[in-house]
Amino acid sequence: MAVNSDPLVVFRFIGDVVEMFEPSVSMSLYFDDKNVTNGSDVKPSLAASAPLVTIGGEPGKFYTLVMIDPDDPSPSEPTLREWAHWIVTDIPGGSIASQGETLQYLVLVAQPIHDKCI
């Protein structure tokens, strides 16, 4: 029996946070000179500023990058896993994410849906 060693599966990001998927574009992410890959640990001091993110994809298409912490505040109690830390929209394919529109200080609030309008 083959064991899946993909860090996204091992750390239960796939399955708990998102369903299995096939990446559609390449991406690289650096904090200073540290290349961050799936399963990498990043110290808070290193992540104090925005990373350098390059997005592959096709010129003429635009992409959205959403960064969350899937085990926040801890892997055993990930109660804040859906907190959006950083969102960049309208990133041109084949460019650096800073060429998109950064949405900062974003707070996501879940609202109940009611069957009837009053």
PDB file of N, CA and C in Angstrom:
ATOM      1  N   MET A   1       0.840  -1.182   0.000  1.00  0.00           N
ATOM      2  CA  MET A   1       0.000   0.000   0.000  1.00  0.00           C
ATOM      3  C   MET A   1       0.885   1.245   0.000  1.00  0.00           C
ATOM      4  N   ALA A   2       0.662   2.142  -0.940  1.00  0.00           N
ATOM      5  CA  ALA A   2       1.458   3.360  -1.057  1.00  0.00           C
ATOM      6  C   ALA A   2       1.031   4.368   0.012  1.00  0.00           C
ATOM      7  N   VAL A   3       1.999   5.041   0.574  1.00  0.00           N
ATOM      8  CA  VAL A   3       1.728   6.070   1.573  1.00  0.00           C
ATOM      9  C   VAL A   3       1.883   7.423   0.909  1.00  0.00           C
ATOM     10  N   ASN A   4       0.907   8.313   1.081  1.00  0.00           N
ATOM     11  CA  ASN A   4       0.974   9.643   0.495  1.00  0.00           C
ATOM     12  C   ASN A   4       1.865  10.517   1.370  1.00  0.00           C
ATOM     13  N   SER A   5       2.942  11.036   0.797  1.00  0.00           N
ATOM     14  CA  SER A   5       3.879  11.861   1.564  1.00  0.00           C
ATOM     15  C   SER A   5       3.721  13.350   1.262  1.00  0.00           C
ATOM     16  N   ASP A   6       2.684  13.726   0.531  1.00  0.00           N
ATOM     17  CA  ASP A   6       2.433  15.134   0.251  1.00  0.00           C
ATOM     18  C   ASP A   6       2.140  15.836   1.571  1.00  0.00           C
ATOM     19  N   PRO A   7       2.922  16.879   1.934  1.00  0.00           N
ATOM     20  CA  PRO A   7       2.691  17.567   3.207  1.00  0.00           C
ATOM     21  C   PRO A   7       1.275  18.107   3.364  1.00  0.00           C
ATOM     22  N   LEU A   8       0.623  18.464   2.265  1.00  0.00           N
ATOM     23  CA  LEU A   8      -0.748  18.965   2.360  1.00  0.00           C
ATOM     24  C   LEU A   8      -1.704  17.881   2.849  1.00  0.00           C
ATOM     25  N   VAL A   9      -1.389  16.617   2.542  1.00  0.00           N
ATOM     26  CA  VAL A   9      -2.192  15.490   3.008  1.00  0.00           C
ATOM     27  C   VAL A   9      -1.756  15.095   4.411  1.00  0.00           C
ATOM     28  N   VAL A  10      -0.452  14.990   4.628  1.00  0.00           N
ATOM     29  CA  VAL A  10       0.091  14.574   5.922  1.00  0.00           C
ATOM     30  C   VAL A  10      -0.386  15.498   7.039  1.00  0.00           C
ATOM     31  N   PHE A  11      -0.371  16.808   6.801  1.00  0.00           N
ATOM     32  CA  PHE A  11      -0.791  17.777   7.815  1.00  0.00           C
ATOM     33  C   PHE A  11      -2.296  18.056   7.773  1.00  0.00           C
ATOM     34  N   ARG A  12      -3.042  17.223   7.022  1.00  0.00           N
ATOM     35  CA  ARG A  12      -4.499  17.246   6.955  1.00  0.00           C
ATOM     36  C   ARG A  12      -5.074  18.550   6.397  1.00  0.00           C
ATOM     37  N   PHE A  13      -4.268  19.322   5.657  1.00  0.00           N
ATOM     38  CA  PHE A  13      -4.825  20.487   4.980  1.00  0.00           C
ATOM     39  C   PHE A  13      -5.829  19.999   3.942  1.00  0.00           C
ATOM     40  N   ILE A  14      -5.384  19.014   3.131  1.00  0.00           N
ATOM     41  CA  ILE A  14      -6.306  18.378   2.190  1.00  0.00           C
ATOM     42  C   ILE A  14      -7.124  17.370   2.991  1.00  0.00           C
ATOM     43  N   GLY A  15      -8.400  17.517   2.930  1.00  0.00           N
ATOM     44  CA  GLY A  15      -9.310  16.670   3.689  1.00  0.00           C
ATOM     45  C   GLY A  15     -10.017  17.463   4.766  1.00  0.00           C
ATOM     46  N   ASP A  16      -9.270  18.255   5.544  1.00  0.00           N
ATOM     47  CA  ASP A  16      -9.884  19.062   6.601  1.00  0.00           C
ATOM     48  C   ASP A  16     -10.261  20.461   6.115  1.00  0.00           C
ATOM     49  N   VAL A  17      -9.410  21.075   5.303  1.00  0.00           N
ATOM     50  CA  VAL A  17      -9.618  22.462   4.882  1.00  0.00           C
ATOM     51  C   VAL A  17     -10.129  22.535   3.444  1.00  0.00           C
ATOM     52  N   VAL A  18      -9.506  21.816   2.545  1.00  0.00           N
ATOM     53  CA  VAL A  18      -9.928  21.772   1.141  1.00  0.00           C
ATOM     54  C   VAL A  18      -9.977  20.323   0.676  1.00  0.00           C
ATOM     55  N   GLU A  19     -10.708  20.096  -0.397  1.00  0.00           N
ATOM     56  CA  GLU A  19     -10.754  18.772  -1.013  1.00  0.00           C
ATOM     57  C   GLU A  19      -9.502  18.576  -1.870  1.00  0.00           C
ATOM     58  N   MET A  20      -9.224  17.336  -2.259  1.00  0.00           N
ATOM     59  CA  MET A  20      -8.095  17.032  -3.137  1.00  0.00           C
ATOM     60  C   MET A  20      -8.220  17.860  -4.413  1.00  0.00           C
ATOM     61  N   PHE A  21      -7.095  18.357  -4.915  1.00  0.00           N
ATOM     62  CA  PHE A  21      -7.114  19.188  -6.116  1.00  0.00           C
ATOM     63  C   PHE A  21      -5.832  18.990  -6.904  1.00  0.00           C
ATOM     64  N   GLU A  22      -5.863  19.373  -8.154  1.00  0.00           N
ATOM     65  CA  GLU A  22      -4.688  19.401  -9.020  1.00  0.00           C
ATOM     66  C   GLU A  22      -4.283  20.858  -9.192  1.00  0.00           C
ATOM     67  N   PRO A  23      -3.047  21.231  -8.856  1.00  0.00           N
ATOM     68  CA  PRO A  23      -2.620  22.622  -9.066  1.00  0.00           C
ATOM     69  C   PRO A  23      -2.780  23.011 -10.533  1.00  0.00           C
ATOM     70  N   SER A  24      -3.260  24.225 -10.767  1.00  0.00           N
ATOM     71  CA  SER A  24      -3.478  24.679 -12.142  1.00  0.00           C
ATOM     72  C   SER A  24      -2.381  25.613 -12.637  1.00  0.00           C
ATOM     73  N   VAL A  25      -1.611  26.205 -11.733  1.00  0.00           N
ATOM     74  CA  VAL A  25      -0.488  27.061 -12.116  1.00  0.00           C
ATOM     75  C   VAL A  25       0.664  26.820 -11.140  1.00  0.00           C
ATOM     76  N   SER A  26       1.864  27.144 -11.571  1.00  0.00           N
ATOM     77  CA  SER A  26       3.015  27.043 -10.674  1.00  0.00           C
ATOM     78  C   SER A  26       3.083  28.297  -9.802  1.00  0.00           C
ATOM     79  N   MET A  27       3.723  28.154  -8.654  1.00  0.00           N
ATOM     80  CA  MET A  27       3.849  29.279  -7.739  1.00  0.00           C
ATOM     81  C   MET A  27       5.123  29.082  -6.928  1.00  0.00           C
ATOM     82  N   SER A  28       5.826  30.178  -6.644  1.00  0.00           N
ATOM     83  CA  SER A  28       6.949  30.115  -5.704  1.00  0.00           C
ATOM     84  C   SER A  28       6.764  31.230  -4.683  1.00  0.00           C
ATOM     85  N   LEU A  29       7.198  30.953  -3.446  1.00  0.00           N
ATOM     86  CA  LEU A  29       6.999  31.886  -2.355  1.00  0.00           C
ATOM     87  C   LEU A  29       8.290  31.982  -1.551  1.00  0.00           C
ATOM     88  N   TYR A  30       8.749  33.207  -1.298  1.00  0.00           N
ATOM     89  CA  TYR A  30       9.964  33.449  -0.535  1.00  0.00           C
ATOM     90  C   TYR A  30       9.702  34.462   0.566  1.00  0.00           C
ATOM     91  N   PHE A  31      10.170  34.166   1.766  1.00  0.00           N
ATOM     92  CA  PHE A  31      10.297  35.135   2.840  1.00  0.00           C
ATOM     93  C   PHE A  31      11.784  35.423   2.922  1.00  0.00           C
ATOM     94  N   ASP A  32      12.182  36.642   2.593  1.00  0.00           N
ATOM     95  CA  ASP A  32      13.602  36.978   2.435  1.00  0.00           C
ATOM     96  C   ASP A  32      14.213  35.980   1.460  1.00  0.00           C
ATOM     97  N   ASP A  33      15.212  35.215   1.873  1.00  0.00           N
ATOM     98  CA  ASP A  33      15.834  34.261   0.958  1.00  0.00           C
ATOM     99  C   ASP A  33      15.381  32.821   1.211  1.00  0.00           C
ATOM    100  N   LYS A  34      14.381  32.621   2.084  1.00  0.00           N
ATOM    101  CA  LYS A  34      13.879  31.275   2.379  1.00  0.00           C
ATOM    102  C   LYS A  34      12.753  30.911   1.422  1.00  0.00           C
ATOM    103  N   ASN A  35      12.982  29.875   0.618  1.00  0.00           N
ATOM    104  CA  ASN A  35      11.954  29.357  -0.272  1.00  0.00           C
ATOM    105  C   ASN A  35      10.992  28.511   0.564  1.00  0.00           C
ATOM    106  N   VAL A  36       9.731  28.858   0.536  1.00  0.00           N
ATOM    107  CA  VAL A  36       8.726  28.148   1.313  1.00  0.00           C
ATOM    108  C   VAL A  36       8.005  27.175   0.397  1.00  0.00           C
ATOM    109  N   THR A  37       7.983  25.922   0.798  1.00  0.00           N
ATOM    110  CA  THR A  37       7.272  24.888   0.045  1.00  0.00           C
ATOM    111  C   THR A  37       6.226  24.267   0.958  1.00  0.00           C
ATOM    112  N   ASN A  38       5.367  23.425   0.408  1.00  0.00           N
ATOM    113  CA  ASN A  38       4.332  22.772   1.212  1.00  0.00           C
ATOM    114  C   ASN A  38       4.964  22.047   2.393  1.00  0.00           C
ATOM    115  N   GLY A  39       4.461  22.324   3.581  1.00  0.00           N
ATOM    116  CA  GLY A  39       4.963  21.682   4.781  1.00  0.00           C
ATOM    117  C   GLY A  39       6.090  22.419   5.469  1.00  0.00           C
ATOM    118  N   SER A  40       6.549  23.539   4.911  1.00  0.00           N
ATOM    119  CA  SER A  40       7.627  24.318   5.525  1.00  0.00           C
ATOM    120  C   SER A  40       7.134  25.027   6.770  1.00  0.00           C
ATOM    121  N   ASP A  41       8.005  25.128   7.761  1.00  0.00           N
ATOM    122  CA  ASP A  41       7.731  25.953   8.928  1.00  0.00           C
ATOM    123  C   ASP A  41       8.286  27.347   8.668  1.00  0.00           C
ATOM    124  N   VAL A  42       7.514  28.361   9.026  1.00  0.00           N
ATOM    125  CA  VAL A  42       7.965  29.743   8.873  1.00  0.00           C
ATOM    126  C   VAL A  42       7.824  30.411  10.231  1.00  0.00           C
ATOM    127  N   LYS A  43       8.924  30.918  10.751  1.00  0.00           N
ATOM    128  CA  LYS A  43       8.896  31.594  12.048  1.00  0.00           C
ATOM    129  C   LYS A  43       8.154  32.928  11.910  1.00  0.00           C
ATOM    130  N   PRO A  44       7.412  33.324  12.945  1.00  0.00           N
ATOM    131  CA  PRO A  44       6.669  34.597  12.870  1.00  0.00           C
ATOM    132  C   PRO A  44       7.561  35.792  12.548  1.00  0.00           C
ATOM    133  N   SER A  45       8.790  35.815  13.056  1.00  0.00           N
ATOM    134  CA  SER A  45       9.686  36.940  12.771  1.00  0.00           C
ATOM    135  C   SER A  45      10.005  37.031  11.279  1.00  0.00           C
ATOM    136  N   LEU A  46      10.089  35.884  10.617  1.00  0.00           N
ATOM    137  CA  LEU A  46      10.372  35.877   9.185  1.00  0.00           C
ATOM    138  C   LEU A  46       9.132  36.301   8.385  1.00  0.00           C
ATOM    139  N   ALA A  47       7.957  35.981   8.913  1.00  0.00           N
ATOM    140  CA  ALA A  47       6.711  36.273   8.214  1.00  0.00           C
ATOM    141  C   ALA A  47       6.116  37.628   8.595  1.00  0.00           C
ATOM    142  N   ALA A  48       6.909  38.486   9.232  1.00  0.00           N
ATOM    143  CA  ALA A  48       6.406  39.794   9.654  1.00  0.00           C
ATOM    144  C   ALA A  48       6.089  40.698   8.471  1.00  0.00           C
ATOM    145  N   SER A  49       6.726  40.469   7.343  1.00  0.00           N
ATOM    146  CA  SER A  49       6.427  41.264   6.151  1.00  0.00           C
ATOM    147  C   SER A  49       5.914  40.339   5.048  1.00  0.00           C
ATOM    148  N   ALA A  50       5.303  40.925   4.054  1.00  0.00           N
ATOM    149  CA  ALA A  50       4.717  40.143   2.965  1.00  0.00           C
ATOM    150  C   ALA A  50       5.798  39.372   2.214  1.00  0.00           C
ATOM    151  N   PRO A  51       5.485  38.153   1.779  1.00  0.00           N
ATOM    152  CA  PRO A  51       6.449  37.367   1.018  1.00  0.00           C
ATOM    153  C   PRO A  51       6.510  37.814  -0.441  1.00  0.00           C
ATOM    154  N   LEU A  52       7.544  37.368  -1.129  1.00  0.00           N
ATOM    155  CA  LEU A  52       7.633  37.539  -2.576  1.00  0.00           C
ATOM    156  C   LEU A  52       7.006  36.295  -3.191  1.00  0.00           C
ATOM    157  N   VAL A  53       5.925  36.485  -3.922  1.00  0.00           N
ATOM    158  CA  VAL A  53       5.206  35.366  -4.530  1.00  0.00           C
ATOM    159  C   VAL A  53       5.170  35.568  -6.029  1.00  0.00           C
ATOM    160  N   THR A  54       5.632  34.563  -6.759  1.00  0.00           N
ATOM    161  CA  THR A  54       5.509  34.613  -8.211  1.00  0.00           C
ATOM    162  C   THR A  54       4.489  33.564  -8.632  1.00  0.00           C
ATOM    163  N   ILE A  55       3.654  33.950  -9.566  1.00  0.00           N
ATOM    164  CA  ILE A  55       2.569  33.105 -10.047  1.00  0.00           C
ATOM    165  C   ILE A  55       2.839  32.788 -11.507  1.00  0.00           C
ATOM    166  N   GLY A  56       2.722  31.499 -11.846  1.00  0.00           N
ATOM    167  CA  GLY A  56       2.818  31.108 -13.251  1.00  0.00           C
ATOM    168  C   GLY A  56       1.527  31.480 -13.953  1.00  0.00           C
ATOM    169  N   GLY A  57       1.090  30.635 -14.820  1.00  0.00           N
ATOM    170  CA  GLY A  57      -0.183  30.881 -15.487  1.00  0.00           C
ATOM    171  C   GLY A  57      -0.008  31.586 -16.815  1.00  0.00           C
ATOM    172  N   GLU A  58      -1.119  31.871 -17.402  1.00  0.00           N
ATOM    173  CA  GLU A  58      -1.126  32.435 -18.746  1.00  0.00           C
ATOM    174  C   GLU A  58      -1.248  33.955 -18.720  1.00  0.00           C
ATOM    175  N   PRO A  59      -0.440  34.648 -19.535  1.00  0.00           N
ATOM    176  CA  PRO A  59      -0.640  36.093 -19.673  1.00  0.00           C
ATOM    177  C   PRO A  59      -2.060  36.358 -20.176  1.00  0.00           C
ATOM    178  N   GLY A  60      -2.667  37.405 -19.669  1.00  0.00           N
ATOM    179  CA  GLY A  60      -4.042  37.722 -20.055  1.00  0.00           C
ATOM    180  C   GLY A  60      -5.075  37.121 -19.120  1.00  0.00           C
ATOM    181  N   LYS A  61      -4.650  36.181 -18.255  1.00  0.00           N
ATOM    182  CA  LYS A  61      -5.542  35.636 -17.232  1.00  0.00           C
ATOM    183  C   LYS A  61      -5.136  36.218 -15.887  1.00  0.00           C
ATOM    184  N   PHE A  62      -6.075  36.269 -14.968  1.00  0.00           N
ATOM    185  CA  PHE A  62      -5.816  36.840 -13.652  1.00  0.00           C
ATOM    186  C   PHE A  62      -6.115  35.803 -12.573  1.00  0.00           C
ATOM    187  N   TYR A  63      -5.349  35.873 -11.486  1.00  0.00           N
ATOM    188  CA  TYR A  63      -5.424  34.868 -10.434  1.00  0.00           C
ATOM    189  C   TYR A  63      -5.619  35.538  -9.077  1.00  0.00           C
ATOM    190  N   THR A  64      -6.089  34.750  -8.116  1.00  0.00           N
ATOM    191  CA  THR A  64      -6.287  35.217  -6.744  1.00  0.00           C
ATOM    192  C   THR A  64      -5.486  34.320  -5.816  1.00  0.00           C
ATOM    193  N   LEU A  65      -4.793  34.931  -4.871  1.00  0.00           N
ATOM    194  CA  LEU A  65      -4.007  34.216  -3.882  1.00  0.00           C
ATOM    195  C   LEU A  65      -4.605  34.478  -2.509  1.00  0.00           C
ATOM    196  N   VAL A  66      -4.948  33.409  -1.784  1.00  0.00           N
ATOM    197  CA  VAL A  66      -5.491  33.511  -0.432  1.00  0.00           C
ATOM    198  C   VAL A  66      -4.564  32.739   0.487  1.00  0.00           C
ATOM    199  N   MET A  67      -4.035  33.417   1.496  1.00  0.00           N
ATOM    200  CA  MET A  67      -3.137  32.762   2.448  1.00  0.00           C
ATOM    201  C   MET A  67      -3.846  32.642   3.793  1.00  0.00           C
ATOM    202  N   ILE A  68      -3.962  31.392   4.262  1.00  0.00           N
ATOM    203  CA  ILE A  68      -4.546  31.118   5.574  1.00  0.00           C
ATOM    204  C   ILE A  68      -3.546  30.286   6.368  1.00  0.00           C
ATOM    205  N   ASP A  69      -3.797  30.124   7.639  1.00  0.00           N
ATOM    206  CA  ASP A  69      -2.976  29.277   8.500  1.00  0.00           C
ATOM    207  C   ASP A  69      -3.844  28.090   8.887  1.00  0.00           C
ATOM    208  N   PRO A  70      -3.672  26.921   8.242  1.00  0.00           N
ATOM    209  CA  PRO A  70      -4.602  25.814   8.434  1.00  0.00           C
ATOM    210  C   PRO A  70      -4.581  25.183   9.824  1.00  0.00           C
ATOM    211  N   ASP A  71      -3.600  25.527  10.669  1.00  0.00           N
ATOM    212  CA  ASP A  71      -3.584  24.950  12.015  1.00  0.00           C
ATOM    213  C   ASP A  71      -3.484  26.020  13.101  1.00  0.00           C
ATOM    214  N   ASP A  72      -4.052  27.185  12.840  1.00  0.00           N
ATOM    215  CA  ASP A  72      -3.997  28.285  13.803  1.00  0.00           C
ATOM    216  C   ASP A  72      -5.091  28.108  14.856  1.00  0.00           C
ATOM    217  N   PRO A  73      -4.849  28.213  16.114  1.00  0.00           N
ATOM    218  CA  PRO A  73      -3.611  28.562  16.791  1.00  0.00           C
ATOM    219  C   PRO A  73      -2.676  27.376  17.040  1.00  0.00           C
ATOM    220  N   SER A  74      -3.182  26.130  16.897  1.00  0.00           N
ATOM    221  CA  SER A  74      -2.307  24.973  17.078  1.00  0.00           C
ATOM    222  C   SER A  74      -2.864  23.803  16.269  1.00  0.00           C
ATOM    223  N   PRO A  75      -1.998  22.846  15.898  1.00  0.00           N
ATOM    224  CA  PRO A  75      -2.484  21.694  15.133  1.00  0.00           C
ATOM    225  C   PRO A  75      -3.540  20.879  15.873  1.00  0.00           C
ATOM    226  N   SER A  76      -3.476  20.837  17.203  1.00  0.00           N
ATOM    227  CA  SER A  76      -4.444  20.042  17.951  1.00  0.00           C
ATOM    228  C   SER A  76      -5.786  20.755  18.132  1.00  0.00           C
ATOM    229  N   GLU A  77      -5.803  22.073  17.955  1.00  0.00           N
ATOM    230  CA  GLU A  77      -7.043  22.843  18.105  1.00  0.00           C
ATOM    231  C   GLU A  77      -7.072  23.988  17.096  1.00  0.00           C
ATOM    232  N   PRO A  78      -7.292  23.651  15.821  1.00  0.00           N
ATOM    233  CA  PRO A  78      -7.221  24.667  14.760  1.00  0.00           C
ATOM    234  C   PRO A  78      -8.493  25.499  14.623  1.00  0.00           C
ATOM    235  N   THR A  79      -8.875  26.179  15.681  1.00  0.00           N
ATOM    236  CA  THR A  79     -10.138  26.907  15.693  1.00  0.00           C
ATOM    237  C   THR A  79     -10.139  28.161  14.823  1.00  0.00           C
ATOM    238  N   LEU A  80      -8.975  28.674  14.446  1.00  0.00           N
ATOM    239  CA  LEU A  80      -8.894  29.889  13.620  1.00  0.00           C
ATOM    240  C   LEU A  80      -8.383  29.588  12.219  1.00  0.00           C
ATOM    241  N   ARG A  81      -8.531  28.359  11.762  1.00  0.00           N
ATOM    242  CA  ARG A  81      -7.922  27.947  10.502  1.00  0.00           C
ATOM    243  C   ARG A  81      -8.447  28.698   9.288  1.00  0.00           C
ATOM    244  N   GLU A  82      -9.594  29.257   9.324  1.00  0.00           N
ATOM    245  CA  GLU A  82     -10.134  29.947   8.158  1.00  0.00           C
ATOM    246  C   GLU A  82      -9.863  31.455   8.177  1.00  0.00           C
ATOM    247  N   TRP A  83      -9.077  31.942   9.105  1.00  0.00           N
ATOM    248  CA  TRP A  83      -8.744  33.358   9.162  1.00  0.00           C
ATOM    249  C   TRP A  83      -7.905  33.714   7.943  1.00  0.00           C
ATOM    250  N   ALA A  84      -8.324  34.692   7.183  1.00  0.00           N
ATOM    251  CA  ALA A  84      -7.574  35.114   5.997  1.00  0.00           C
ATOM    252  C   ALA A  84      -6.463  36.062   6.424  1.00  0.00           C
ATOM    253  N   HIS A  85      -5.225  35.621   6.248  1.00  0.00           N
ATOM    254  CA  HIS A  85      -4.082  36.434   6.623  1.00  0.00           C
ATOM    255  C   HIS A  85      -3.714  37.433   5.529  1.00  0.00           C
ATOM    256  N   TRP A  86      -3.899  37.015   4.284  1.00  0.00           N
ATOM    257  CA  TRP A  86      -3.455  37.859   3.174  1.00  0.00           C
ATOM    258  C   TRP A  86      -4.196  37.431   1.923  1.00  0.00           C
ATOM    259  N   ILE A  87      -4.776  38.378   1.212  1.00  0.00           N
ATOM    260  CA  ILE A  87      -5.466  38.083  -0.039  1.00  0.00           C
ATOM    261  C   ILE A  87      -4.972  39.063  -1.101  1.00  0.00           C
ATOM    262  N   VAL A  88      -4.602  38.522  -2.249  1.00  0.00           N
ATOM    263  CA  VAL A  88      -4.221  39.352  -3.391  1.00  0.00           C
ATOM    264  C   VAL A  88      -5.079  38.904  -4.567  1.00  0.00           C
ATOM    265  N   THR A  89      -5.750  39.842  -5.208  1.00  0.00           N
ATOM    266  CA  THR A  89      -6.603  39.522  -6.345  1.00  0.00           C
ATOM    267  C   THR A  89      -6.043  40.160  -7.612  1.00  0.00           C
ATOM    268  N   ASP A  90      -6.555  39.736  -8.735  1.00  0.00           N
ATOM    269  CA  ASP A  90      -6.190  40.300 -10.051  1.00  0.00           C
ATOM    270  C   ASP A  90      -4.689  40.238 -10.308  1.00  0.00           C
ATOM    271  N   ILE A  91      -4.066  39.101  -9.996  1.00  0.00           N
ATOM    272  CA  ILE A  91      -2.632  38.916 -10.266  1.00  0.00           C
ATOM    273  C   ILE A  91      -2.495  38.480 -11.723  1.00  0.00           C
ATOM    274  N   PRO A  92      -1.795  39.246 -12.541  1.00  0.00           N
ATOM    275  CA  PRO A  92      -1.611  38.830 -13.939  1.00  0.00           C
ATOM    276  C   PRO A  92      -0.799  37.538 -14.012  1.00  0.00           C
ATOM    277  N   GLY A  93      -1.217  36.623 -14.864  1.00  0.00           N
ATOM    278  CA  GLY A  93      -0.482  35.371 -15.051  1.00  0.00           C
ATOM    279  C   GLY A  93       0.969  35.634 -15.418  1.00  0.00           C
ATOM    280  N   GLY A  94       1.875  34.837 -14.840  1.00  0.00           N
ATOM    281  CA  GLY A  94       3.298  34.967 -15.129  1.00  0.00           C
ATOM    282  C   GLY A  94       3.929  36.184 -14.485  1.00  0.00           C
ATOM    283  N   SER A  95       3.445  36.602 -13.309  1.00  0.00           N
ATOM    284  CA  SER A  95       3.997  37.806 -12.683  1.00  0.00           C
ATOM    285  C   SER A  95       4.175  37.620 -11.182  1.00  0.00           C
ATOM    286  N   ILE A  96       4.568  38.687 -10.533  1.00  0.00           N
ATOM    287  CA  ILE A  96       4.740  38.713  -9.085  1.00  0.00           C
ATOM    288  C   ILE A  96       3.416  39.158  -8.470  1.00  0.00           C
ATOM    289  N   ALA A  97       3.029  38.509  -7.361  1.00  0.00           N
ATOM    290  CA  ALA A  97       1.718  38.779  -6.755  1.00  0.00           C
ATOM    291  C   ALA A  97       1.547  40.240  -6.359  1.00  0.00           C
ATOM    292  N   SER A  98       2.632  40.963  -6.107  1.00  0.00           N
ATOM    293  CA  SER A  98       2.508  42.374  -5.723  1.00  0.00           C
ATOM    294  C   SER A  98       1.945  43.223  -6.863  1.00  0.00           C
ATOM    295  N   GLN A  99       1.865  42.665  -8.065  1.00  0.00           N
ATOM    296  CA  GLN A  99       1.268  43.404  -9.179  1.00  0.00           C
ATOM    297  C   GLN A  99      -0.253  43.315  -9.156  1.00  0.00           C
ATOM    298  N   GLY A 100      -0.785  42.530  -8.209  1.00  0.00           N
ATOM    299  CA  GLY A 100      -2.237  42.436  -8.046  1.00  0.00           C
ATOM    300  C   GLY A 100      -2.730  43.464  -7.052  1.00  0.00           C
ATOM    301  N   GLU A 101      -3.957  43.313  -6.638  1.00  0.00           N
ATOM    302  CA  GLU A 101      -4.585  44.215  -5.677  1.00  0.00           C
ATOM    303  C   GLU A 101      -4.612  43.535  -4.314  1.00  0.00           C
ATOM    304  N   THR A 102      -3.862  44.084  -3.337  1.00  0.00           N
ATOM    305  CA  THR A 102      -3.782  43.481  -2.009  1.00  0.00           C
ATOM    306  C   THR A 102      -4.917  43.988  -1.133  1.00  0.00           C
ATOM    307  N   LEU A 103      -5.608  43.054  -0.494  1.00  0.00           N
ATOM    308  CA  LEU A 103      -6.677  43.384   0.440  1.00  0.00           C
ATOM    309  C   LEU A 103      -6.131  43.147   1.838  1.00  0.00           C
ATOM    310  N   GLN A 104      -5.923  44.199   2.588  1.00  0.00           N
ATOM    311  CA  GLN A 104      -5.358  44.077   3.921  1.00  0.00           C
ATOM    312  C   GLN A 104      -6.429  44.346   4.971  1.00  0.00           C
ATOM    313  N   TYR A 105      -6.142  43.916   6.190  1.00  0.00           N
ATOM    314  CA  TYR A 105      -7.049  44.112   7.321  1.00  0.00           C
ATOM    315  C   TYR A 105      -8.429  43.557   7.021  1.00  0.00           C
ATOM    316  N   LEU A 106      -8.444  42.409   6.389  1.00  0.00           N
ATOM    317  CA  LEU A 106      -9.699  41.778   6.028  1.00  0.00           C
ATOM    318  C   LEU A 106     -10.219  40.967   7.201  1.00  0.00           C
ATOM    319  N   VAL A 107     -11.463  41.156   7.536  1.00  0.00           N
ATOM    320  CA  VAL A 107     -12.104  40.373   8.587  1.00  0.00           C
ATOM    321  C   VAL A 107     -13.270  39.636   7.947  1.00  0.00           C
ATOM    322  N   LEU A 108     -13.264  38.315   8.071  1.00  0.00           N
ATOM    323  CA  LEU A 108     -14.347  37.512   7.526  1.00  0.00           C
ATOM    324  C   LEU A 108     -15.319  37.193   8.653  1.00  0.00           C
ATOM    325  N   VAL A 109     -16.580  37.430   8.407  1.00  0.00           N
ATOM    326  CA  VAL A 109     -17.596  37.183   9.422  1.00  0.00           C
ATOM    327  C   VAL A 109     -18.654  36.280   8.814  1.00  0.00           C
ATOM    328  N   ALA A 110     -18.972  35.194   9.494  1.00  0.00           N
ATOM    329  CA  ALA A 110     -20.029  34.301   9.036  1.00  0.00           C
ATOM    330  C   ALA A 110     -21.363  34.807   9.558  1.00  0.00           C
ATOM    331  N   GLN A 111     -22.326  34.896   8.683  1.00  0.00           N
ATOM    332  CA  GLN A 111     -23.666  35.345   9.053  1.00  0.00           C
ATOM    333  C   GLN A 111     -24.646  34.211   8.792  1.00  0.00           C
ATOM    334  N   PRO A 112     -25.603  33.992   9.692  1.00  0.00           N
ATOM    335  CA  PRO A 112     -26.611  32.945   9.433  1.00  0.00           C
ATOM    336  C   PRO A 112     -27.527  33.376   8.296  1.00  0.00           C
ATOM    337  N   ILE A 113     -28.004  32.394   7.555  1.00  0.00           N
ATOM    338  CA  ILE A 113     -28.937  32.657   6.462  1.00  0.00           C
ATOM    339  C   ILE A 113     -30.335  32.312   6.976  1.00  0.00           C
ATOM    340  N   HIS A 114     -31.262  33.253   6.827  1.00  0.00           N
ATOM    341  CA  HIS A 114     -32.626  33.053   7.297  1.00  0.00           C
ATOM    342  C   HIS A 114     -33.520  32.646   6.130  1.00  0.00           C
ATOM    343  N   ASP A 115     -34.496  31.815   6.423  1.00  0.00           N
ATOM    344  CA  ASP A 115     -35.418  31.359   5.400  1.00  0.00           C
ATOM    345  C   ASP A 115     -36.357  32.453   4.910  1.00  0.00           C
ATOM    346  N   LYS A 116     -36.699  33.369   5.806  1.00  0.00           N
ATOM    347  CA  LYS A 116     -37.674  34.405   5.465  1.00  0.00           C
ATOM    348  C   LYS A 116     -37.099  35.784   5.715  1.00  0.00           C
ATOM    349  N   CYS A 117     -37.455  36.685   4.863  1.00  0.00           N
ATOM    350  CA  CYS A 117     -37.085  38.092   5.074  1.00  0.00           C
ATOM    351  C   CYS A 117     -38.173  38.744   5.904  1.00  0.00           C
ATOM    352  N   ILE A 118     -37.783  39.600   6.807  1.00  0.00           N
ATOM    353  CA  ILE A 118     -38.766  40.280   7.668  1.00  0.00           C
ATOM    354  C   ILE A 118     -39.004  41.670   7.149  1.00  0.00           C
TER     355      ILE A 118
END
